[in-house]
Amino acid sequence: MENTTDKNKSGIFSKIPVISLIGLLVGAAGGYLYYHEVGCVSGTCAITSNPWMSTLWGAALGYLIFDMFRGKKIKTSSDHNAEQKPADLD
């Protein structure tokens, strides 16, 4: 019987950190809120006249802003040695 308490790292969370996904959702909500509350009365504004565009741009900004707070992986000496390229032979 398999141990189900182990985390499966093969899903989406292994590729994109949770904090970035939260930023994506917060940014999308903020983008739509900006469209709804501020918007563009004349309809000539490229981003704020369309709810889809303002939501997508808000999601992109939210992702980028929240990604700044993601913890970075610290390289160890074994990681550094594994990434070194062999010297060229002349």
C-alpha atoms as a PDB file:
ATOM      1  CA  MET A   1       0.000   0.000   0.000  1.00  0.00           C
ATOM      2  CA  GLU A   2       1.362   3.398  -0.965  1.00  0.00           C
ATOM      3  CA  ASN A   3       1.992   6.157   1.535  1.00  0.00           C
ATOM      4  CA  THR A   4      -0.469   8.898   0.578  1.00  0.00           C
ATOM      5  CA  THR A   5       1.039  11.496   2.907  1.00  0.00           C
ATOM      6  CA  ASP A   6       3.996  12.096   0.565  1.00  0.00           C
ATOM      7  CA  LYS A   7       3.586  15.153  -1.604  1.00  0.00           C
ATOM      8  CA  ASN A   8       3.416  14.445  -5.316  1.00  0.00           C
ATOM      9  CA  LYS A   9       5.742  16.946  -6.985  1.00  0.00           C
ATOM     10  CA  SER A  10       4.716  16.099 -10.546  1.00  0.00           C
ATOM     11  CA  GLY A  11       1.754  18.507 -10.652  1.00  0.00           C
ATOM     12  CA  ILE A  12       1.446  22.188 -11.448  1.00  0.00           C
ATOM     13  CA  PHE A  13       2.792  23.176  -8.029  1.00  0.00           C
ATOM     14  CA  SER A  14       6.209  21.750  -8.860  1.00  0.00           C
ATOM     15  CA  LYS A  15       6.501  24.124 -11.827  1.00  0.00           C
ATOM     16  CA  ILE A  16       4.825  27.292 -10.496  1.00  0.00           C
ATOM     17  CA  PRO A  17       5.101  28.259  -6.805  1.00  0.00           C
ATOM     18  CA  VAL A  18       1.879  28.729  -4.832  1.00  0.00           C
ATOM     19  CA  ILE A  19       2.720  32.354  -3.998  1.00  0.00           C
ATOM     20  CA  SER A  20       2.891  33.154  -7.709  1.00  0.00           C
ATOM     21  CA  LEU A  21      -0.493  31.518  -8.329  1.00  0.00           C
ATOM     22  CA  ILE A  22      -1.969  33.592  -5.508  1.00  0.00           C
ATOM     23  CA  GLY A  23      -0.476  36.696  -7.126  1.00  0.00           C
ATOM     24  CA  LEU A  24      -2.025  35.685 -10.434  1.00  0.00           C
ATOM     25  CA  LEU A  25      -5.482  35.469  -8.858  1.00  0.00           C
ATOM     26  CA  VAL A  26      -5.119  38.656  -6.823  1.00  0.00           C
ATOM     27  CA  GLY A  27      -3.856  40.537  -9.877  1.00  0.00           C
ATOM     28  CA  ALA A  28      -6.713  39.261 -12.041  1.00  0.00           C
ATOM     29  CA  ALA A  29      -9.242  40.367  -9.434  1.00  0.00           C
ATOM     30  CA  GLY A  30      -7.500  43.738  -9.167  1.00  0.00           C
ATOM     31  CA  GLY A  31      -7.471  44.175 -12.929  1.00  0.00           C
ATOM     32  CA  TYR A  32     -11.173  43.479 -13.201  1.00  0.00           C
ATOM     33  CA  LEU A  33     -11.901  45.746 -10.233  1.00  0.00           C
ATOM     34  CA  TYR A  34      -9.916  48.518 -11.928  1.00  0.00           C
ATOM     35  CA  TYR A  35     -11.972  48.022 -15.111  1.00  0.00           C
ATOM     36  CA  HIS A  36     -15.221  48.082 -13.178  1.00  0.00           C
ATOM     37  CA  GLU A  37     -14.461  51.047 -10.916  1.00  0.00           C
ATOM     38  CA  VAL A  38     -12.216  53.247 -13.093  1.00  0.00           C
ATOM     39  CA  GLY A  39     -12.521  51.875 -16.622  1.00  0.00           C
ATOM     40  CA  CYS A  40     -12.578  54.025 -19.720  1.00  0.00           C
ATOM     41  CA  VAL A  41     -15.674  56.073 -20.508  1.00  0.00           C
ATOM     42  CA  SER A  42     -14.852  56.842 -24.138  1.00  0.00           C
ATOM     43  CA  GLY A  43     -13.879  53.261 -25.063  1.00  0.00           C
ATOM     44  CA  THR A  44     -10.609  54.340 -26.696  1.00  0.00           C
ATOM     45  CA  CYS A  45      -8.342  53.076 -23.923  1.00  0.00           C
ATOM     46  CA  ALA A  46      -6.645  49.883 -25.086  1.00  0.00           C
ATOM     47  CA  ILE A  47      -6.440  48.130 -21.726  1.00  0.00           C
ATOM     48  CA  THR A  48      -9.176  49.555 -19.515  1.00  0.00           C
ATOM     49  CA  SER A  49     -12.012  49.591 -22.054  1.00  0.00           C
ATOM     50  CA  ASN A  50     -12.089  45.788 -22.260  1.00  0.00           C
ATOM     51  CA  PRO A  51     -12.625  43.695 -19.078  1.00  0.00           C
ATOM     52  CA  TRP A  52     -10.627  40.775 -20.508  1.00  0.00           C
ATOM     53  CA  MET A  53      -7.579  42.913 -21.231  1.00  0.00           C
ATOM     54  CA  SER A  54      -7.579  44.634 -17.861  1.00  0.00           C
ATOM     55  CA  THR A  55      -8.006  41.257 -16.128  1.00  0.00           C
ATOM     56  CA  LEU A  56      -5.131  39.693 -18.093  1.00  0.00           C
ATOM     57  CA  TRP A  57      -2.800  42.637 -17.492  1.00  0.00           C
ATOM     58  CA  GLY A  58      -3.730  42.648 -13.811  1.00  0.00           C
ATOM     59  CA  ALA A  59      -2.993  38.918 -13.593  1.00  0.00           C
ATOM     60  CA  ALA A  60       0.398  39.402 -15.258  1.00  0.00           C
ATOM     61  CA  LEU A  61       1.328  42.232 -12.895  1.00  0.00           C
ATOM     62  CA  GLY A  62       0.100  40.274  -9.872  1.00  0.00           C
ATOM     63  CA  TYR A  63       2.170  37.269 -10.899  1.00  0.00           C
ATOM     64  CA  LEU A  64       5.299  39.366 -11.347  1.00  0.00           C
ATOM     65  CA  ILE A  65       4.862  41.280  -8.101  1.00  0.00           C
ATOM     66  CA  PHE A  66       4.149  38.204  -5.992  1.00  0.00           C
ATOM     67  CA  ASP A  67       6.988  36.307  -7.695  1.00  0.00           C
ATOM     68  CA  MET A  68       9.413  38.813  -6.167  1.00  0.00           C
ATOM     69  CA  PHE A  69       8.568  37.416  -2.728  1.00  0.00           C
ATOM     70  CA  ARG A  70       9.267  33.813  -3.687  1.00  0.00           C
ATOM     71  CA  GLY A  71      12.141  32.196  -1.829  1.00  0.00           C
ATOM     72  CA  LYS A  72      15.046  31.486  -4.123  1.00  0.00           C
ATOM     73  CA  LYS A  73      16.865  28.160  -4.050  1.00  0.00           C
ATOM     74  CA  ILE A  74      20.363  28.514  -2.624  1.00  0.00           C
ATOM     75  CA  LYS A  75      23.036  26.660  -4.567  1.00  0.00           C
ATOM     76  CA  THR A  76      25.267  24.382  -2.574  1.00  0.00           C
ATOM     77  CA  SER A  77      28.840  23.545  -3.463  1.00  0.00           C
ATOM     78  CA  SER A  78      27.749  20.197  -4.934  1.00  0.00           C
ATOM     79  CA  ASP A  79      25.260  22.025  -7.211  1.00  0.00           C
ATOM     80  CA  HIS A  80      28.011  24.406  -8.273  1.00  0.00           C
ATOM     81  CA  ASN A  81      30.416  21.583  -9.107  1.00  0.00           C
ATOM     82  CA  ALA A  82      27.776  19.709 -11.104  1.00  0.00           C
ATOM     83  CA  GLU A  83      27.102  22.744 -13.313  1.00  0.00           C
ATOM     84  CA  GLN A  84      30.725  23.419 -14.222  1.00  0.00           C
ATOM     85  CA  LYS A  85      31.597  22.729 -17.828  1.00  0.00           C
ATOM     86  CA  PRO A  86      34.670  20.649 -18.650  1.00  0.00           C
ATOM     87  CA  ALA A  87      37.718  22.591 -19.782  1.00  0.00           C
ATOM     88  CA  ASP A  88      38.322  22.845 -23.507  1.00  0.00           C
ATOM     89  CA  LEU A  89      41.196  20.758 -24.786  1.00  0.00           C
ATOM     90  CA  ASP A  90      43.360  22.662 -27.241  1.00  0.00           C
END
